[in-house]
PDB file of N, CA and C in Angstrom:
ATOM      1  N   MET A   1      40.550  16.771  38.672  1.00  0.00           N
ATOM      2  CA  MET A   1      40.796  17.495  37.447  1.00  0.00           C
ATOM      3  C   MET A   1      39.469  17.707  36.732  1.00  0.00           C
ATOM      4  N   ALA A   2      39.262  18.906  36.266  1.00  0.00           N
ATOM      5  CA  ALA A   2      38.028  19.212  35.531  1.00  0.00           C
ATOM      6  C   ALA A   2      38.066  18.565  34.156  1.00  0.00           C
ATOM      7  N   ARG A   3      36.910  18.083  33.749  1.00  0.00           N
ATOM      8  CA  ARG A   3      36.822  17.464  32.432  1.00  0.00           C
ATOM      9  C   ARG A   3      36.581  18.529  31.380  1.00  0.00           C
ATOM     10  N   LYS A   4      37.225  18.365  30.249  1.00  0.00           N
ATOM     11  CA  LYS A   4      36.991  19.280  29.134  1.00  0.00           C
ATOM     12  C   LYS A   4      35.665  18.908  28.509  1.00  0.00           C
ATOM     13  N   GLY A   5      34.760  19.852  28.456  1.00  0.00           N
ATOM     14  CA  GLY A   5      33.485  19.605  27.807  1.00  0.00           C
ATOM     15  C   GLY A   5      33.637  19.669  26.296  1.00  0.00           C
ATOM     16  N   ILE A   6      33.025  18.752  25.612  1.00  0.00           N
ATOM     17  CA  ILE A   6      33.039  18.741  24.156  1.00  0.00           C
ATOM     18  C   ILE A   6      31.600  18.883  23.703  1.00  0.00           C
ATOM     19  N   SER A   7      31.361  19.873  22.880  1.00  0.00           N
ATOM     20  CA  SER A   7      30.006  20.099  22.391  1.00  0.00           C
ATOM     21  C   SER A   7      29.909  19.697  20.927  1.00  0.00           C
ATOM     22  N   ARG A   8      28.698  19.697  20.417  1.00  0.00           N
ATOM     23  CA  ARG A   8      28.478  19.393  19.000  1.00  0.00           C
ATOM     24  C   ARG A   8      29.115  20.446  18.100  1.00  0.00           C
ATOM     25  N   GLU A   9      29.468  21.601  18.668  1.00  0.00           N
ATOM     26  CA  GLU A   9      30.100  22.660  17.894  1.00  0.00           C
ATOM     27  C   GLU A   9      31.615  22.485  17.792  1.00  0.00           C
ATOM     28  N   ASP A  10      32.186  21.577  18.578  1.00  0.00           N
ATOM     29  CA  ASP A  10      33.624  21.324  18.523  1.00  0.00           C
ATOM     30  C   ASP A  10      33.993  20.896  17.101  1.00  0.00           C
ATOM     31  N   PRO A  11      35.031  21.475  16.508  1.00  0.00           N
ATOM     32  CA  PRO A  11      35.386  21.124  15.125  1.00  0.00           C
ATOM     33  C   PRO A  11      35.597  19.636  14.899  1.00  0.00           C
ATOM     34  N   ILE A  12      36.181  18.946  15.869  1.00  0.00           N
ATOM     35  CA  ILE A  12      36.407  17.505  15.705  1.00  0.00           C
ATOM     36  C   ILE A  12      35.083  16.760  15.683  1.00  0.00           C
ATOM     37  N   VAL A  13      34.160  17.132  16.546  1.00  0.00           N
ATOM     38  CA  VAL A  13      32.845  16.487  16.571  1.00  0.00           C
ATOM     39  C   VAL A  13      32.104  16.777  15.265  1.00  0.00           C
ATOM     40  N   GLN A  14      32.267  17.971  14.718  1.00  0.00           N
ATOM     41  CA  GLN A  14      31.627  18.324  13.452  1.00  0.00           C
ATOM     42  C   GLN A  14      32.131  17.444  12.310  1.00  0.00           C
ATOM     43  N   VAL A  15      33.365  16.994  12.394  1.00  0.00           N
ATOM     44  CA  VAL A  15      33.940  16.152  11.346  1.00  0.00           C
ATOM     45  C   VAL A  15      33.493  14.707  11.496  1.00  0.00           C
ATOM     46  N   PHE A  16      33.449  14.202  12.727  1.00  0.00           N
ATOM     47  CA  PHE A  16      33.238  12.768  12.930  1.00  0.00           C
ATOM     48  C   PHE A  16      31.841  12.392  13.392  1.00  0.00           C
ATOM     49  N   PHE A  17      31.144  13.229  14.119  1.00  0.00           N
ATOM     50  CA  PHE A  17      29.792  12.962  14.609  1.00  0.00           C
ATOM     51  C   PHE A  17      29.692  11.708  15.484  1.00  0.00           C
ATOM     52  N   PRO A  18      30.417  11.640  16.623  1.00  0.00           N
ATOM     53  CA  PRO A  18      30.265  10.484  17.506  1.00  0.00           C
ATOM     54  C   PRO A  18      28.905  10.494  18.201  1.00  0.00           C
ATOM     55  N   CYS A  19      28.439   9.315  18.599  1.00  0.00           N
ATOM     56  CA  CYS A  19      27.208   9.224  19.383  1.00  0.00           C
ATOM     57  C   CYS A  19      27.488   9.769  20.784  1.00  0.00           C
ATOM     58  N   ASP A  20      26.497   9.746  21.654  1.00  0.00           N
ATOM     59  CA  ASP A  20      26.676  10.278  23.012  1.00  0.00           C
ATOM     60  C   ASP A  20      27.776   9.546  23.775  1.00  0.00           C
ATOM     61  N   ILE A  21      27.819   8.225  23.646  1.00  0.00           N
ATOM     62  CA  ILE A  21      28.863   7.454  24.340  1.00  0.00           C
ATOM     63  C   ILE A  21      30.223   7.770  23.734  1.00  0.00           C
ATOM     64  N   GLY A  22      30.287   7.833  22.409  1.00  0.00           N
ATOM     65  CA  GLY A  22      31.538   8.189  21.742  1.00  0.00           C
ATOM     66  C   GLY A  22      32.017   9.571  22.153  1.00  0.00           C
ATOM     67  N   THR A  23      31.082  10.509  22.286  1.00  0.00           N
ATOM     68  CA  THR A  23      31.430  11.859  22.729  1.00  0.00           C
ATOM     69  C   THR A  23      31.990  11.823  24.141  1.00  0.00           C
ATOM     70  N   ARG A  24      31.360  11.032  25.019  1.00  0.00           N
ATOM     71  CA  ARG A  24      31.857  10.920  26.403  1.00  0.00           C
ATOM     72  C   ARG A  24      33.270  10.334  26.421  1.00  0.00           C
ATOM     73  N   LEU A  25      33.511   9.310  25.605  1.00  0.00           N
ATOM     74  CA  LEU A  25      34.842   8.704  25.551  1.00  0.00           C
ATOM     75  C   LEU A  25      35.870   9.687  24.983  1.00  0.00           C
ATOM     76  N   LEU A  26      35.465  10.482  24.018  1.00  0.00           N
ATOM     77  CA  LEU A  26      36.355  11.505  23.470  1.00  0.00           C
ATOM     78  C   LEU A  26      36.639  12.575  24.525  1.00  0.00           C
ATOM     79  N   GLU A  27      35.635  12.907  25.343  1.00  0.00           N
ATOM     80  CA  GLU A  27      35.834  13.842  26.456  1.00  0.00           C
ATOM     81  C   GLU A  27      36.831  13.282  27.460  1.00  0.00           C
ATOM     82  N   GLU A  28      36.747  11.976  27.725  1.00  0.00           N
ATOM     83  CA  GLU A  28      37.687  11.355  28.660  1.00  0.00           C
ATOM     84  C   GLU A  28      39.109  11.425  28.112  1.00  0.00           C
ATOM     85  N   PHE A  29      39.266  11.213  26.806  1.00  0.00           N
ATOM     86  CA  PHE A  29      40.573  11.361  26.171  1.00  0.00           C
ATOM     87  C   PHE A  29      41.067  12.801  26.326  1.00  0.00           C
ATOM     88  N   ALA A  30      40.190  13.769  26.054  1.00  0.00           N
ATOM     89  CA  ALA A  30      40.561  15.185  26.148  1.00  0.00           C
ATOM     90  C   ALA A  30      40.938  15.564  27.577  1.00  0.00           C
ATOM     91  N   ALA A  31      40.218  15.020  28.559  1.00  0.00           N
ATOM     92  CA  ALA A  31      40.503  15.335  29.960  1.00  0.00           C
ATOM     93  C   ALA A  31      41.826  14.723  30.407  1.00  0.00           C
ATOM     94  N   ALA A  32      42.090  13.491  29.969  1.00  0.00           N
ATOM     95  CA  ALA A  32      43.312  12.803  30.376  1.00  0.00           C
ATOM     96  C   ALA A  32      44.536  13.321  29.624  1.00  0.00           C
ATOM     97  N   ARG A  33      44.320  13.760  28.395  1.00  0.00           N
ATOM     98  CA  ARG A  33      45.429  14.186  27.530  1.00  0.00           C
ATOM     99  C   ARG A  33      45.105  15.508  26.832  1.00  0.00           C
ATOM    100  N   PRO A  34      44.918  16.587  27.584  1.00  0.00           N
ATOM    101  CA  PRO A  34      44.507  17.847  26.949  1.00  0.00           C
ATOM    102  C   PRO A  34      45.485  18.339  25.883  1.00  0.00           C
ATOM    103  N   GLU A  35      46.782  18.135  26.108  1.00  0.00           N
ATOM    104  CA  GLU A  35      47.750  18.569  25.101  1.00  0.00           C
ATOM    105  C   GLU A  35      47.607  17.745  23.829  1.00  0.00           C
ATOM    106  N   ASP A  36      47.445  16.431  23.976  1.00  0.00           N
ATOM    107  CA  ASP A  36      47.275  15.569  22.804  1.00  0.00           C
ATOM    108  C   ASP A  36      45.999  15.923  22.055  1.00  0.00           C
ATOM    109  N   TYR A  37      44.929  16.210  22.804  1.00  0.00           N
ATOM    110  CA  TYR A  37      43.651  16.523  22.163  1.00  0.00           C
ATOM    111  C   TYR A  37      43.773  17.731  21.239  1.00  0.00           C
ATOM    112  N   THR A  38      44.599  18.691  21.608  1.00  0.00           N
ATOM    113  CA  THR A  38      44.740  19.879  20.764  1.00  0.00           C
ATOM    114  C   THR A  38      45.380  19.545  19.421  1.00  0.00           C
ATOM    115  N   PHE A  39      46.081  18.413  19.333  1.00  0.00           N
ATOM    116  CA  PHE A  39      46.711  18.006  18.076  1.00  0.00           C
ATOM    117  C   PHE A  39      45.834  17.065  17.257  1.00  0.00           C
ATOM    118  N   LEU A  40      44.672  16.705  17.786  1.00  0.00           N
ATOM    119  CA  LEU A  40      43.769  15.798  17.084  1.00  0.00           C
ATOM    120  C   LEU A  40      43.298  16.445  15.787  1.00  0.00           C
ATOM    121  N   GLU A  41      43.395  15.693  14.693  1.00  0.00           N
ATOM    122  CA  GLU A  41      42.998  16.190  13.379  1.00  0.00           C
ATOM    123  C   GLU A  41      41.989  15.235  12.759  1.00  0.00           C
ATOM    124  N   PRO A  42      41.195  15.717  11.818  1.00  0.00           N
ATOM    125  CA  PRO A  42      40.209  14.847  11.164  1.00  0.00           C
ATOM    126  C   PRO A  42      40.802  13.555  10.610  1.00  0.00           C
ATOM    127  N   LYS A  43      42.036  13.605  10.102  1.00  0.00           N
ATOM    128  CA  LYS A  43      42.648  12.396   9.536  1.00  0.00           C
ATOM    129  C   LYS A  43      42.827  11.295  10.584  1.00  0.00           C
ATOM    130  N   ASP A  44      42.865  11.658  11.871  1.00  0.00           N
ATOM    131  CA  ASP A  44      43.015  10.651  12.923  1.00  0.00           C
ATOM    132  C   ASP A  44      41.794   9.743  13.024  1.00  0.00           C
ATOM    133  N   PHE A  45      40.666  10.157  12.433  1.00  0.00           N
ATOM    134  CA  PHE A  45      39.461   9.335  12.459  1.00  0.00           C
ATOM    135  C   PHE A  45      39.389   8.376  11.277  1.00  0.00           C
ATOM    136  N   ASN A  46      40.283   8.538  10.293  1.00  0.00           N
ATOM    137  CA  ASN A  46      40.270   7.655   9.125  1.00  0.00           C
ATOM    138  C   ASN A  46      40.625   6.228   9.495  1.00  0.00           C
ATOM    139  N   ASP A  47      41.620   6.061  10.333  1.00  0.00           N
ATOM    140  CA  ASP A  47      42.026   4.740  10.804  1.00  0.00           C
ATOM    141  C   ASP A  47      42.411   4.893  12.268  1.00  0.00           C
ATOM    142  N   LEU A  48      41.458   4.644  13.138  1.00  0.00           N
ATOM    143  CA  LEU A  48      41.657   4.887  14.568  1.00  0.00           C
ATOM    144  C   LEU A  48      42.802   4.079  15.150  1.00  0.00           C
ATOM    145  N   ARG A  49      43.056   2.907  14.603  1.00  0.00           N
ATOM    146  CA  ARG A  49      44.120   2.046  15.123  1.00  0.00           C
ATOM    147  C   ARG A  49      45.505   2.484  14.658  1.00  0.00           C
ATOM    148  N   SER A  50      45.583   3.175  13.538  1.00  0.00           N
ATOM    149  CA  SER A  50      46.873   3.649  13.037  1.00  0.00           C
ATOM    150  C   SER A  50      47.128   5.107  13.394  1.00  0.00           C
ATOM    151  N   SER A  51      46.201   5.692  14.106  1.00  0.00           N
ATOM    152  CA  SER A  51      46.349   7.083  14.522  1.00  0.00           C
ATOM    153  C   SER A  51      47.592   7.231  15.395  1.00  0.00           C
ATOM    154  N   ALA A  52      48.128   8.428  15.430  1.00  0.00           N
ATOM    155  CA  ALA A  52      49.267   8.714  16.309  1.00  0.00           C
ATOM    156  C   ALA A  52      48.903   8.511  17.777  1.00  0.00           C
ATOM    157  N   PHE A  53      47.604   8.417  18.073  1.00  0.00           N
ATOM    158  CA  PHE A  53      47.141   8.278  19.451  1.00  0.00           C
ATOM    159  C   PHE A  53      46.925   6.820  19.866  1.00  0.00           C
ATOM    160  N   ALA A  54      47.086   5.887  18.935  1.00  0.00           N
ATOM    161  CA  ALA A  54      46.923   4.466  19.263  1.00  0.00           C
ATOM    162  C   ALA A  54      47.883   4.103  20.393  1.00  0.00           C
ATOM    163  N   GLY A  55      47.386   3.331  21.329  1.00  0.00           N
ATOM    164  CA  GLY A  55      48.184   2.941  22.483  1.00  0.00           C
ATOM    165  C   GLY A  55      47.896   3.773  23.722  1.00  0.00           C
ATOM    166  N   ILE A  56      47.220   4.889  23.552  1.00  0.00           N
ATOM    167  CA  ILE A  56      46.787   5.693  24.696  1.00  0.00           C
ATOM    168  C   ILE A  56      45.461   5.094  25.160  1.00  0.00           C
ATOM    169  N   PRO A  57      45.367   4.656  26.421  1.00  0.00           N
ATOM    170  CA  PRO A  57      44.178   3.921  26.870  1.00  0.00           C
ATOM    171  C   PRO A  57      42.850   4.609  26.561  1.00  0.00           C
ATOM    172  N   GLU A  58      42.768   5.906  26.782  1.00  0.00           N
ATOM    173  CA  GLU A  58      41.504   6.614  26.536  1.00  0.00           C
ATOM    174  C   GLU A  58      41.169   6.650  25.043  1.00  0.00           C
ATOM    175  N   TRP A  59      42.178   6.788  24.208  1.00  0.00           N
ATOM    176  CA  TRP A  59      41.946   6.768  22.756  1.00  0.00           C
ATOM    177  C   TRP A  59      41.536   5.369  22.315  1.00  0.00           C
ATOM    178  N   ASP A  60      42.212   4.347  22.850  1.00  0.00           N
ATOM    179  CA  ASP A  60      41.881   2.971  22.483  1.00  0.00           C
ATOM    180  C   ASP A  60      40.455   2.619  22.897  1.00  0.00           C
ATOM    181  N   ALA A  61      40.002   3.111  24.055  1.00  0.00           N
ATOM    182  CA  ALA A  61      38.611   2.874  24.478  1.00  0.00           C
ATOM    183  C   ALA A  61      37.652   3.529  23.491  1.00  0.00           C
ATOM    184  N   PHE A  62      37.975   4.747  23.050  1.00  0.00           N
ATOM    185  CA  PHE A  62      37.167   5.437  22.046  1.00  0.00           C
ATOM    186  C   PHE A  62      37.171   4.644  20.739  1.00  0.00           C
ATOM    187  N   ALA A  63      38.339   4.213  20.288  1.00  0.00           N
ATOM    188  CA  ALA A  63      38.452   3.461  19.033  1.00  0.00           C
ATOM    189  C   ALA A  63      37.671   2.149  19.106  1.00  0.00           C
ATOM    190  N   ASP A  64      37.769   1.440  20.228  1.00  0.00           N
ATOM    191  CA  ASP A  64      37.014   0.188  20.398  1.00  0.00           C
ATOM    192  C   ASP A  64      35.521   0.448  20.285  1.00  0.00           C
ATOM    193  N   HIS A  65      35.057   1.500  20.936  1.00  0.00           N
ATOM    194  CA  HIS A  65      33.631   1.822  20.885  1.00  0.00           C
ATOM    195  C   HIS A  65      33.198   2.131  19.453  1.00  0.00           C
ATOM    196  N   VAL A  66      33.947   2.986  18.772  1.00  0.00           N
ATOM    197  CA  VAL A  66      33.587   3.404  17.413  1.00  0.00           C
ATOM    198  C   VAL A  66      33.496   2.203  16.479  1.00  0.00           C
ATOM    199  N   GLN A  67      34.403   1.252  16.627  1.00  0.00           N
ATOM    200  CA  GLN A  67      34.398   0.076  15.754  1.00  0.00           C
ATOM    201  C   GLN A  67      33.164  -0.793  15.961  1.00  0.00           C
ATOM    202  N   GLN A  68      32.540  -0.701  17.121  1.00  0.00           N
ATOM    203  CA  GLN A  68      31.376  -1.525  17.422  1.00  0.00           C
ATOM    204  C   GLN A  68      30.053  -0.771  17.328  1.00  0.00           C
ATOM    205  N   CYS A  69      30.109   0.556  17.262  1.00  0.00           N
ATOM    206  CA  CYS A  69      28.901   1.373  17.326  1.00  0.00           C
ATOM    207  C   CYS A  69      28.396   1.721  15.930  1.00  0.00           C
ATOM    208  N   ILE A  70      27.140   1.398  15.667  1.00  0.00           N
ATOM    209  CA  ILE A  70      26.572   1.721  14.359  1.00  0.00           C
ATOM    210  C   ILE A  70      26.174   3.194  14.267  1.00  0.00           C
ATOM    211  N   ARG A  71      26.105   3.882  15.398  1.00  0.00           N
ATOM    212  CA  ARG A  71      25.695   5.296  15.393  1.00  0.00           C
ATOM    213  C   ARG A  71      26.866   6.261  15.244  1.00  0.00           C
ATOM    214  N   CYS A  72      28.052   5.870  15.640  1.00  0.00           N
ATOM    215  CA  CYS A  72      29.207   6.760  15.527  1.00  0.00           C
ATOM    216  C   CYS A  72      29.542   6.991  14.062  1.00  0.00           C
ATOM    217  N   GLY A  73      29.726   8.249  13.722  1.00  0.00           N
ATOM    218  CA  GLY A  73      30.071   8.613  12.363  1.00  0.00           C
ATOM    219  C   GLY A  73      28.883   8.917  11.480  1.00  0.00           C
ATOM    220  N   GLU A  74      27.655   8.698  11.990  1.00  0.00           N
ATOM    221  CA  GLU A  74      26.468   9.027  11.202  1.00  0.00           C
ATOM    222  C   GLU A  74      26.287  10.531  11.142  1.00  0.00           C
ATOM    223  N   VAL A  75      25.820  11.001  10.029  1.00  0.00           N
ATOM    224  CA  VAL A  75      25.562  12.435   9.871  1.00  0.00           C
ATOM    225  C   VAL A  75      24.117  12.710  10.218  1.00  0.00           C
TER     226      VAL A  75
END
């Protein structure tokens, strides 16, 4: 399966500004769950654990990374 590329111009990336690893993990979520990714909204980044996507392995990997990364979310 082809991976969905996510660029810095992606509206979600513009809202959250993940680091390179965070972007890769978000790409993995998008590739594994393309339909879910289309429903991703900025509010889902407010509380990654309470997001509607919590429990999806690729989202949880992204959330775990973001909670530990000092670069994710920097402008």
